[in-house]
Amino acid sequence: TGNPDYKSLVPNRLFRNMGDGKFADVTVSGRVGNL
């Protein structure tokens, strides 16, 4: 995620496919949310 603006400190995101047509945000538990 992000853009050139230095203020764009937002986490990269990981979404797990739940197999039922839905996705779950597992960024925090996965420890992959680099800002």
Full PDB file with SEQRES, HELIX, SHEET, SSBOND, CRYST1, ORIGX, SCALE, CONECT and MASTER records, all heavy atoms in Angstrom:
SEQRES   1 A   35  THR GLY ASN PRO ASP TYR LYS SER LEU VAL PRO ASN ARG          
SEQRES   2 A   35  LEU PHE ARG ASN MET GLY ASP GLY LYS PHE ALA ASP VAL          
SEQRES   3 A   35  THR VAL SER GLY ARG VAL GLY ASN LEU                          
HELIX    1 AA1 THR A   27  GLY A   30  1                                   4    
SHEET    1 AA1 2 PHE A  15  ASN A  17  0                                        
SHEET    2 AA1 2 PHE A  23  ASP A  25 -1                                        
CRYST1    1.000    1.000    1.000  90.00  90.00  90.00 P 1           1          
ORIGX1      1.000000  0.000000  0.000000        0.00000                         
ORIGX2      0.000000  1.000000  0.000000        0.00000                         
ORIGX3      0.000000  0.000000  1.000000        0.00000                         
SCALE1      1.000000  0.000000  0.000000        0.00000                         
SCALE2      0.000000  1.000000  0.000000        0.00000                         
SCALE3      0.000000  0.000000  1.000000        0.00000                         
ATOM      1  N   THR A   1       0.809  -1.214   0.000  1.00  0.00           N  
ATOM      2  CA  THR A   1       0.000   0.000   0.000  1.00  0.00           C  
ATOM      3  C   THR A   1       0.846   1.271   0.000  1.00  0.00           C  
ATOM      4  O   THR A   1       2.045   1.244   0.224  1.00  0.00           O  
ATOM      5  CB  THR A   1      -0.909   0.044   1.242  1.00  0.00           C  
ATOM      6  OG1 THR A   1      -0.069   0.126   2.407  1.00  0.00           O  
ATOM      7  CG2 THR A   1      -1.759  -1.197   1.333  1.00  0.00           C  
ATOM      8  N   GLY A   2       0.160   2.402  -0.214  1.00  0.00           N  
ATOM      9  CA  GLY A   2       0.799   3.706  -0.077  1.00  0.00           C  
ATOM     10  C   GLY A   2       0.705   4.562  -1.322  1.00  0.00           C  
ATOM     11  O   GLY A   2      -0.010   4.264  -2.271  1.00  0.00           O  
ATOM     12  N   ASN A   3       1.453   5.666  -1.298  1.00  0.00           N  
ATOM     13  CA  ASN A   3       1.677   6.526  -2.456  1.00  0.00           C  
ATOM     14  C   ASN A   3       2.897   7.384  -2.133  1.00  0.00           C  
ATOM     15  O   ASN A   3       3.471   7.254  -1.045  1.00  0.00           O  
ATOM     16  CB  ASN A   3       0.427   7.361  -2.794  1.00  0.00           C  
ATOM     17  CG  ASN A   3       0.166   8.486  -1.808  1.00  0.00           C  
ATOM     18  OD1 ASN A   3       0.773   8.572  -0.752  1.00  0.00           O  
ATOM     19  ND2 ASN A   3      -0.763   9.360  -2.154  1.00  0.00           N  
ATOM     20  N   PRO A   4       3.368   8.261  -3.020  1.00  0.00           N  
ATOM     21  CA  PRO A   4       4.614   8.986  -2.737  1.00  0.00           C  
ATOM     22  C   PRO A   4       4.585   9.878  -1.500  1.00  0.00           C  
ATOM     23  O   PRO A   4       5.642  10.206  -0.950  1.00  0.00           O  
ATOM     24  CB  PRO A   4       4.812   9.823  -4.012  1.00  0.00           C  
ATOM     25  CG  PRO A   4       4.146   9.044  -5.087  1.00  0.00           C  
ATOM     26  CD  PRO A   4       2.932   8.451  -4.425  1.00  0.00           C  
ATOM     27  N   ASP A   5       3.408  10.288  -1.054  1.00  0.00           N  
ATOM     28  CA  ASP A   5       3.290  11.158   0.109  1.00  0.00           C  
ATOM     29  C   ASP A   5       3.886  10.481   1.344  1.00  0.00           C  
ATOM     30  O   ASP A   5       3.524   9.357   1.688  1.00  0.00           O  
ATOM     31  CB  ASP A   5       1.810  11.468   0.338  1.00  0.00           C  
ATOM     32  CG  ASP A   5       1.570  12.494   1.435  1.00  0.00           C  
ATOM     33  OD1 ASP A   5       2.518  12.844   2.159  1.00  0.00           O  
ATOM     34  OD2 ASP A   5       0.414  12.942   1.565  1.00  0.00           O  
ATOM     35  N   TYR A   6       4.785  11.183   2.055  1.00  0.00           N  
ATOM     36  CA  TYR A   6       5.416  10.620   3.246  1.00  0.00           C  
ATOM     37  C   TYR A   6       4.405  10.314   4.353  1.00  0.00           C  
ATOM     38  O   TYR A   6       4.666   9.499   5.237  1.00  0.00           O  
ATOM     39  CB  TYR A   6       6.469  11.587   3.789  1.00  0.00           C  
ATOM     40  CG  TYR A   6       7.834  11.445   3.151  1.00  0.00           C  
ATOM     41  CD1 TYR A   6       7.978  10.916   1.880  1.00  0.00           C  
ATOM     42  CD2 TYR A   6       8.976  11.854   3.823  1.00  0.00           C  
ATOM     43  CE1 TYR A   6       9.220  10.803   1.297  1.00  0.00           C  
ATOM     44  CE2 TYR A   6      10.235  11.744   3.257  1.00  0.00           C  
ATOM     45  CZ  TYR A   6      10.358  11.208   1.980  1.00  0.00           C  
ATOM     46  OH  TYR A   6      11.584  11.080   1.405  1.00  0.00           O  
ATOM     47  N   LYS A   7       3.262  10.980   4.324  1.00  0.00           N  
ATOM     48  CA  LYS A   7       2.263  10.752   5.362  1.00  0.00           C  
ATOM     49  C   LYS A   7       1.487   9.454   5.147  1.00  0.00           C  
ATOM     50  O   LYS A   7       0.692   9.061   6.001  1.00  0.00           O  
ATOM     51  CB  LYS A   7       1.282  11.929   5.403  1.00  0.00           C  
ATOM     52  CG  LYS A   7       1.924  13.258   5.810  1.00  0.00           C  
ATOM     53  CD  LYS A   7       0.905  14.368   5.982  1.00  0.00           C  
ATOM     54  CE  LYS A   7       0.266  14.775   4.672  1.00  0.00           C  
ATOM     55  NZ  LYS A   7       1.216  15.427   3.749  1.00  0.00           N  
ATOM     56  N   SER A   8       1.746   8.772   4.056  1.00  0.00           N  
ATOM     57  CA  SER A   8       1.010   7.549   3.733  1.00  0.00           C  
ATOM     58  C   SER A   8       1.578   6.361   4.501  1.00  0.00           C  
ATOM     59  O   SER A   8       2.067   5.385   3.919  1.00  0.00           O  
ATOM     60  CB  SER A   8       1.050   7.288   2.226  1.00  0.00           C  
ATOM     61  OG  SER A   8       0.463   8.352   1.520  1.00  0.00           O  
ATOM     62  N   LEU A   9       1.527   6.450   5.809  1.00  0.00           N  
ATOM     63  CA  LEU A   9       1.972   5.359   6.679  1.00  0.00           C  
ATOM     64  C   LEU A   9       0.771   4.483   7.001  1.00  0.00           C  
ATOM     65  O   LEU A   9       0.117   4.637   8.033  1.00  0.00           O  
ATOM     66  CB  LEU A   9       2.597   5.926   7.951  1.00  0.00           C  
ATOM     67  CG  LEU A   9       3.978   6.564   7.804  1.00  0.00           C  
ATOM     68  CD1 LEU A   9       4.387   7.262   9.086  1.00  0.00           C  
ATOM     69  CD2 LEU A   9       5.015   5.518   7.431  1.00  0.00           C  
ATOM     70  N   VAL A  10       0.461   3.560   6.096  1.00  0.00           N  
ATOM     71  CA  VAL A  10      -0.651   2.637   6.285  1.00  0.00           C  
ATOM     72  C   VAL A  10      -0.133   1.224   6.057  1.00  0.00           C  
ATOM     73  O   VAL A  10       0.774   1.005   5.254  1.00  0.00           O  
ATOM     74  CB  VAL A  10      -1.814   2.952   5.322  1.00  0.00           C  
ATOM     75  CG1 VAL A  10      -2.414   4.318   5.644  1.00  0.00           C  
ATOM     76  CG2 VAL A  10      -1.362   2.910   3.868  1.00  0.00           C  
ATOM     77  N   PRO A  11      -0.680   0.245   6.761  1.00  0.00           N  
ATOM     78  CA  PRO A  11      -0.110  -1.109   6.669  1.00  0.00           C  
ATOM     79  C   PRO A  11      -0.411  -1.793   5.348  1.00  0.00           C  
ATOM     80  O   PRO A  11      -1.496  -1.639   4.779  1.00  0.00           O  
ATOM     81  CB  PRO A  11      -0.789  -1.843   7.831  1.00  0.00           C  
ATOM     82  CG  PRO A  11      -2.086  -1.116   8.032  1.00  0.00           C  
ATOM     83  CD  PRO A  11      -1.784   0.326   7.733  1.00  0.00           C  
ATOM     84  N   ASN A  12       0.575  -2.573   4.864  1.00  0.00           N  
ATOM     85  CA  ASN A  12       0.297  -3.513   3.793  1.00  0.00           C  
ATOM     86  C   ASN A  12      -0.688  -4.545   4.344  1.00  0.00           C  
ATOM     87  O   ASN A  12      -0.746  -4.778   5.549  1.00  0.00           O  
ATOM     88  CB  ASN A  12       1.589  -4.174   3.323  1.00  0.00           C  
ATOM     89  CG  ASN A  12       2.589  -3.144   2.816  1.00  0.00           C  
ATOM     90  OD1 ASN A  12       2.208  -2.155   2.205  1.00  0.00           O  
ATOM     91  ND2 ASN A  12       3.869  -3.362   3.086  1.00  0.00           N  
ATOM     92  N   ARG A  13      -1.457  -5.190   3.466  1.00  0.00           N  
ATOM     93  CA  ARG A  13      -2.584  -6.000   3.958  1.00  0.00           C  
ATOM     94  C   ARG A  13      -2.552  -7.421   3.384  1.00  0.00           C  
ATOM     95  O   ARG A  13      -2.267  -7.635   2.207  1.00  0.00           O  
ATOM     96  CB  ARG A  13      -3.914  -5.334   3.581  1.00  0.00           C  
ATOM     97  CG  ARG A  13      -4.033  -3.872   4.018  1.00  0.00           C  
ATOM     98  CD  ARG A  13      -4.388  -3.704   5.463  1.00  0.00           C  
ATOM     99  NE  ARG A  13      -5.789  -3.996   5.687  1.00  0.00           N  
ATOM    100  CZ  ARG A  13      -6.764  -3.100   5.530  1.00  0.00           C  
ATOM    101  NH1 ARG A  13      -6.487  -1.864   5.110  1.00  0.00           N  
ATOM    102  NH2 ARG A  13      -8.017  -3.425   5.770  1.00  0.00           N  
ATOM    103  N   LEU A  14      -2.895  -8.370   4.248  1.00  0.00           N  
ATOM    104  CA  LEU A  14      -3.009  -9.776   3.869  1.00  0.00           C  
ATOM    105  C   LEU A  14      -4.444 -10.233   4.081  1.00  0.00           C  
ATOM    106  O   LEU A  14      -4.993 -10.090   5.179  1.00  0.00           O  
ATOM    107  CB  LEU A  14      -2.051 -10.631   4.706  1.00  0.00           C  
ATOM    108  CG  LEU A  14      -2.105 -12.149   4.480  1.00  0.00           C  
ATOM    109  CD1 LEU A  14      -1.731 -12.508   3.039  1.00  0.00           C  
ATOM    110  CD2 LEU A  14      -1.171 -12.868   5.462  1.00  0.00           C  
ATOM    111  N   PHE A  15      -5.056 -10.787   3.011  1.00  0.00           N  
ATOM    112  CA  PHE A  15      -6.427 -11.274   3.084  1.00  0.00           C  
ATOM    113  C   PHE A  15      -6.460 -12.767   2.790  1.00  0.00           C  
ATOM    114  O   PHE A  15      -5.960 -13.218   1.753  1.00  0.00           O  
ATOM    115  CB  PHE A  15      -7.321 -10.526   2.086  1.00  0.00           C  
ATOM    116  CG  PHE A  15      -7.544  -9.081   2.440  1.00  0.00           C  
ATOM    117  CD1 PHE A  15      -6.692  -8.099   1.966  1.00  0.00           C  
ATOM    118  CD2 PHE A  15      -8.596  -8.703   3.262  1.00  0.00           C  
ATOM    119  CE1 PHE A  15      -6.878  -6.766   2.293  1.00  0.00           C  
ATOM    120  CE2 PHE A  15      -8.800  -7.372   3.595  1.00  0.00           C  
ATOM    121  CZ  PHE A  15      -7.936  -6.401   3.116  1.00  0.00           C  
ATOM    122  N   ARG A  16      -7.062 -13.510   3.719  1.00  0.00           N  
ATOM    123  CA  ARG A  16      -7.194 -14.955   3.536  1.00  0.00           C  
ATOM    124  C   ARG A  16      -8.533 -15.276   2.891  1.00  0.00           C  
ATOM    125  O   ARG A  16      -9.584 -14.784   3.302  1.00  0.00           O  
ATOM    126  CB  ARG A  16      -7.100 -15.688   4.873  1.00  0.00           C  
ATOM    127  CG  ARG A  16      -7.248 -17.201   4.732  1.00  0.00           C  
ATOM    128  CD  ARG A  16      -7.300 -17.915   6.075  1.00  0.00           C  
ATOM    129  NE  ARG A  16      -7.346 -19.357   5.887  1.00  0.00           N  
ATOM    130  CZ  ARG A  16      -8.466 -20.092   5.878  1.00  0.00           C  
ATOM    131  NH1 ARG A  16      -9.634 -19.500   6.064  1.00  0.00           N  
ATOM    132  NH2 ARG A  16      -8.415 -21.398   5.697  1.00  0.00           N  
ATOM    133  N   ASN A  17      -8.478 -16.129   1.874  1.00  0.00           N  
ATOM    134  CA  ASN A  17      -9.673 -16.635   1.210  1.00  0.00           C  
ATOM    135  C   ASN A  17     -10.287 -17.711   2.103  1.00  0.00           C  
ATOM    136  O   ASN A  17      -9.667 -18.745   2.370  1.00  0.00           O  
ATOM    137  CB  ASN A  17      -9.281 -17.214  -0.150  1.00  0.00           C  
ATOM    138  CG  ASN A  17     -10.468 -17.576  -1.006  1.00  0.00           C  
ATOM    139  OD1 ASN A  17     -11.543 -17.881  -0.507  1.00  0.00           O  
ATOM    140  ND2 ASN A  17     -10.266 -17.568  -2.312  1.00  0.00           N  
ATOM    141  N   MET A  18     -11.510 -17.480   2.578  1.00  0.00           N  
ATOM    142  CA  MET A  18     -12.145 -18.400   3.512  1.00  0.00           C  
ATOM    143  C   MET A  18     -12.792 -19.601   2.833  1.00  0.00           C  
ATOM    144  O   MET A  18     -13.292 -20.516   3.497  1.00  0.00           O  
ATOM    145  CB  MET A  18     -13.190 -17.649   4.344  1.00  0.00           C  
ATOM    146  CG  MET A  18     -12.616 -16.450   5.115  1.00  0.00           C  
ATOM    147  SD  MET A  18     -11.290 -16.909   6.266  1.00  0.00           S  
ATOM    148  CE  MET A  18     -12.251 -17.743   7.526  1.00  0.00           C  
ATOM    149  N   GLY A  19     -12.805 -19.618   1.502  1.00  0.00           N  
ATOM    150  CA  GLY A  19     -13.335 -20.763   0.784  1.00  0.00           C  
ATOM    151  C   GLY A  19     -14.837 -20.760   0.619  1.00  0.00           C  
ATOM    152  O   GLY A  19     -15.407 -21.678   0.020  1.00  0.00           O  
ATOM    153  N   ASP A  20     -15.492 -19.723   1.152  1.00  0.00           N  
ATOM    154  CA  ASP A  20     -16.947 -19.626   1.044  1.00  0.00           C  
ATOM    155  C   ASP A  20     -17.369 -18.365   0.308  1.00  0.00           C  
ATOM    156  O   ASP A  20     -18.494 -17.894   0.455  1.00  0.00           O  
ATOM    157  CB  ASP A  20     -17.574 -19.646   2.443  1.00  0.00           C  
ATOM    158  CG  ASP A  20     -17.069 -18.513   3.341  1.00  0.00           C  
ATOM    159  OD1 ASP A  20     -16.221 -17.722   2.875  1.00  0.00           O  
ATOM    160  OD2 ASP A  20     -17.517 -18.428   4.500  1.00  0.00           O  
ATOM    161  N   GLY A  21     -16.417 -17.799  -0.471  1.00  0.00           N  
ATOM    162  CA  GLY A  21     -16.700 -16.567  -1.194  1.00  0.00           C  
ATOM    163  C   GLY A  21     -16.302 -15.326  -0.437  1.00  0.00           C  
ATOM    164  O   GLY A  21     -16.413 -14.218  -0.976  1.00  0.00           O  
ATOM    165  N   LYS A  22     -15.837 -15.478   0.809  1.00  0.00           N  
ATOM    166  CA  LYS A  22     -15.471 -14.340   1.626  1.00  0.00           C  
ATOM    167  C   LYS A  22     -13.970 -14.336   1.929  1.00  0.00           C  
ATOM    168  O   LYS A  22     -13.312 -15.378   1.875  1.00  0.00           O  
ATOM    169  CB  LYS A  22     -16.270 -14.351   2.926  1.00  0.00           C  
ATOM    170  CG  LYS A  22     -17.774 -14.211   2.724  1.00  0.00           C  
ATOM    171  CD  LYS A  22     -18.513 -14.219   4.053  1.00  0.00           C  
ATOM    172  CE  LYS A  22     -20.016 -14.068   3.834  1.00  0.00           C  
ATOM    173  NZ  LYS A  22     -20.774 -14.089   5.111  1.00  0.00           N  
ATOM    174  N   PHE A  23     -13.471 -13.143   2.280  1.00  0.00           N  
ATOM    175  CA  PHE A  23     -12.066 -12.979   2.626  1.00  0.00           C  
ATOM    176  C   PHE A  23     -11.960 -12.371   4.027  1.00  0.00           C  
ATOM    177  O   PHE A  23     -12.779 -11.534   4.417  1.00  0.00           O  
ATOM    178  CB  PHE A  23     -11.360 -12.062   1.616  1.00  0.00           C  
ATOM    179  CG  PHE A  23     -11.151 -12.693   0.268  1.00  0.00           C  
ATOM    180  CD1 PHE A  23     -12.203 -12.794  -0.634  1.00  0.00           C  
ATOM    181  CD2 PHE A  23      -9.910 -13.187  -0.100  1.00  0.00           C  
ATOM    182  CE1 PHE A  23     -12.016 -13.378  -1.880  1.00  0.00           C  
ATOM    183  CE2 PHE A  23      -9.714 -13.771  -1.336  1.00  0.00           C  
ATOM    184  CZ  PHE A  23     -10.762 -13.868  -2.230  1.00  0.00           C  
ATOM    185  N   ALA A  24     -10.934 -12.787   4.765  1.00  0.00           N  
ATOM    186  CA  ALA A  24     -10.701 -12.272   6.115  1.00  0.00           C  
ATOM    187  C   ALA A  24      -9.375 -11.526   6.151  1.00  0.00           C  
ATOM    188  O   ALA A  24      -8.355 -12.024   5.653  1.00  0.00           O  
ATOM    189  CB  ALA A  24     -10.681 -13.422   7.122  1.00  0.00           C  
ATOM    190  N   ASP A  25      -9.390 -10.339   6.748  1.00  0.00           N  
ATOM    191  CA  ASP A  25      -8.170  -9.558   6.935  1.00  0.00           C  
ATOM    192  C   ASP A  25      -7.371 -10.187   8.075  1.00  0.00           C  
ATOM    193  O   ASP A  25      -7.817 -10.207   9.227  1.00  0.00           O  
ATOM    194  CB  ASP A  25      -8.538  -8.114   7.267  1.00  0.00           C  
ATOM    195  CG  ASP A  25      -7.323  -7.187   7.294  1.00  0.00           C  
ATOM    196  OD1 ASP A  25      -6.195  -7.676   7.463  1.00  0.00           O  
ATOM    197  OD2 ASP A  25      -7.514  -5.962   7.153  1.00  0.00           O  
ATOM    198  N   VAL A  26      -6.185 -10.716   7.763  1.00  0.00           N  
ATOM    199  CA  VAL A  26      -5.346 -11.378   8.774  1.00  0.00           C  
ATOM    200  C   VAL A  26      -3.993 -10.688   8.877  1.00  0.00           C  
ATOM    201  O   VAL A  26      -2.991 -11.304   9.242  1.00  0.00           O  
ATOM    202  CB  VAL A  26      -5.169 -12.878   8.449  1.00  0.00           C  
ATOM    203  CG1 VAL A  26      -6.494 -13.613   8.600  1.00  0.00           C  
ATOM    204  CG2 VAL A  26      -4.612 -13.072   7.034  1.00  0.00           C  
ATOM    205  N   THR A  27      -3.977  -9.401   8.583  1.00  0.00           N  
ATOM    206  CA  THR A  27      -2.736  -8.638   8.565  1.00  0.00           C  
ATOM    207  C   THR A  27      -2.065  -8.611   9.929  1.00  0.00           C  
ATOM    208  O   THR A  27      -0.857  -8.848  10.047  1.00  0.00           O  
ATOM    209  CB  THR A  27      -3.011  -7.196   8.109  1.00  0.00           C  
ATOM    210  OG1 THR A  27      -3.672  -7.210   6.848  1.00  0.00           O  
ATOM    211  CG2 THR A  27      -1.728  -6.401   8.006  1.00  0.00           C  
ATOM    212  N   VAL A  28      -2.830  -8.302  10.959  1.00  0.00           N  
ATOM    213  CA  VAL A  28      -2.256  -8.139  12.291  1.00  0.00           C  
ATOM    214  C   VAL A  28      -1.743  -9.465  12.831  1.00  0.00           C  
ATOM    215  O   VAL A  28      -0.598  -9.563  13.281  1.00  0.00           O  
ATOM    216  CB  VAL A  28      -3.283  -7.511  13.250  1.00  0.00           C  
ATOM    217  CG1 VAL A  28      -2.759  -7.527  14.684  1.00  0.00           C  
ATOM    218  CG2 VAL A  28      -3.590  -6.080  12.825  1.00  0.00           C  
ATOM    219  N   SER A  29      -2.569 -10.499  12.794  1.00  0.00           N  
ATOM    220  CA  SER A  29      -2.123 -11.797  13.311  1.00  0.00           C  
ATOM    221  C   SER A  29      -0.979 -12.356  12.474  1.00  0.00           C  
ATOM    222  O   SER A  29      -0.091 -13.028  13.003  1.00  0.00           O  
ATOM    223  CB  SER A  29      -3.287 -12.788  13.341  1.00  0.00           C  
ATOM    224  OG  SER A  29      -3.815 -13.009  12.042  1.00  0.00           O  
ATOM    225  N   GLY A  30      -0.956 -12.051  11.190  1.00  0.00           N  
ATOM    226  CA  GLY A  30       0.107 -12.537  10.315  1.00  0.00           C  
ATOM    227  C   GLY A  30       1.415 -11.789  10.445  1.00  0.00           C  
ATOM    228  O   GLY A  30       2.437 -12.245   9.921  1.00  0.00           O  
ATOM    229  N   ARG A  31       1.422 -10.616  11.129  1.00  0.00           N  
ATOM    230  CA  ARG A  31       2.619  -9.796  11.339  1.00  0.00           C  
ATOM    231  C   ARG A  31       3.265  -9.401  10.004  1.00  0.00           C  
ATOM    232  O   ARG A  31       4.489  -9.448   9.849  1.00  0.00           O  
ATOM    233  CB  ARG A  31       3.635 -10.501  12.234  1.00  0.00           C  
ATOM    234  CG  ARG A  31       3.170 -10.757  13.649  1.00  0.00           C  
ATOM    235  CD  ARG A  31       2.910  -9.484  14.426  1.00  0.00           C  
ATOM    236  NE  ARG A  31       4.134  -8.740  14.738  1.00  0.00           N  
ATOM    237  CZ  ARG A  31       4.180  -7.428  14.893  1.00  0.00           C  
ATOM    238  NH1 ARG A  31       3.094  -6.698  14.748  1.00  0.00           N  
ATOM    239  NH2 ARG A  31       5.314  -6.822  15.183  1.00  0.00           N  
ATOM    240  N   VAL A  32       2.452  -8.984   9.053  1.00  0.00           N  
ATOM    241  CA  VAL A  32       2.964  -8.599   7.739  1.00  0.00           C  
ATOM    242  C   VAL A  32       2.535  -7.184   7.347  1.00  0.00           C  
ATOM    243  O   VAL A  32       2.690  -6.783   6.193  1.00  0.00           O  
ATOM    244  CB  VAL A  32       2.498  -9.596   6.651  1.00  0.00           C  
ATOM    245  CG1 VAL A  32       3.146 -10.956   6.856  1.00  0.00           C  
ATOM    246  CG2 VAL A  32       0.970  -9.732   6.640  1.00  0.00           C  
ATOM    247  N   GLY A  33       2.015  -6.407   8.326  1.00  0.00           N  
ATOM    248  CA  GLY A  33       1.482  -5.080   8.020  1.00  0.00           C  
ATOM    249  C   GLY A  33       2.528  -3.991   8.071  1.00  0.00           C  
ATOM    250  O   GLY A  33       2.430  -3.052   8.873  1.00  0.00           O  
ATOM    251  N   ASN A  34       3.530  -4.079   7.203  1.00  0.00           N  
ATOM    252  CA  ASN A  34       4.577  -3.051   7.150  1.00  0.00           C  
ATOM    253  C   ASN A  34       3.965  -1.701   6.775  1.00  0.00           C  
ATOM    254  O   ASN A  34       3.181  -1.599   5.839  1.00  0.00           O  
ATOM    255  CB  ASN A  34       5.641  -3.444   6.125  1.00  0.00           C  
ATOM    256  CG  ASN A  34       6.929  -2.672   6.309  1.00  0.00           C  
ATOM    257  OD1 ASN A  34       6.936  -1.464   6.502  1.00  0.00           O  
ATOM    258  ND2 ASN A  34       8.046  -3.376   6.226  1.00  0.00           N  
ATOM    259  N   LEU A  35       4.337  -0.663   7.529  1.00  0.00           N  
ATOM    260  CA  LEU A  35       3.782   0.673   7.296  1.00  0.00           C  
ATOM    261  C   LEU A  35       4.461   1.418   6.155  1.00  0.00           C  
ATOM    262  O   LEU A  35       3.944   2.440   5.697  1.00  0.00           O  
ATOM    263  CB  LEU A  35       3.907   1.512   8.576  1.00  0.00           C  
ATOM    264  CG  LEU A  35       2.957   1.140   9.719  1.00  0.00           C  
ATOM    265  CD1 LEU A  35       3.419   1.774  11.023  1.00  0.00           C  
ATOM    266  CD2 LEU A  35       1.527   1.547   9.397  1.00  0.00           C  
TER     267      LEU A  35                                                      
MASTER        0    0    0    1    2    0    0    6  266    1    0    3          
END                                                                             
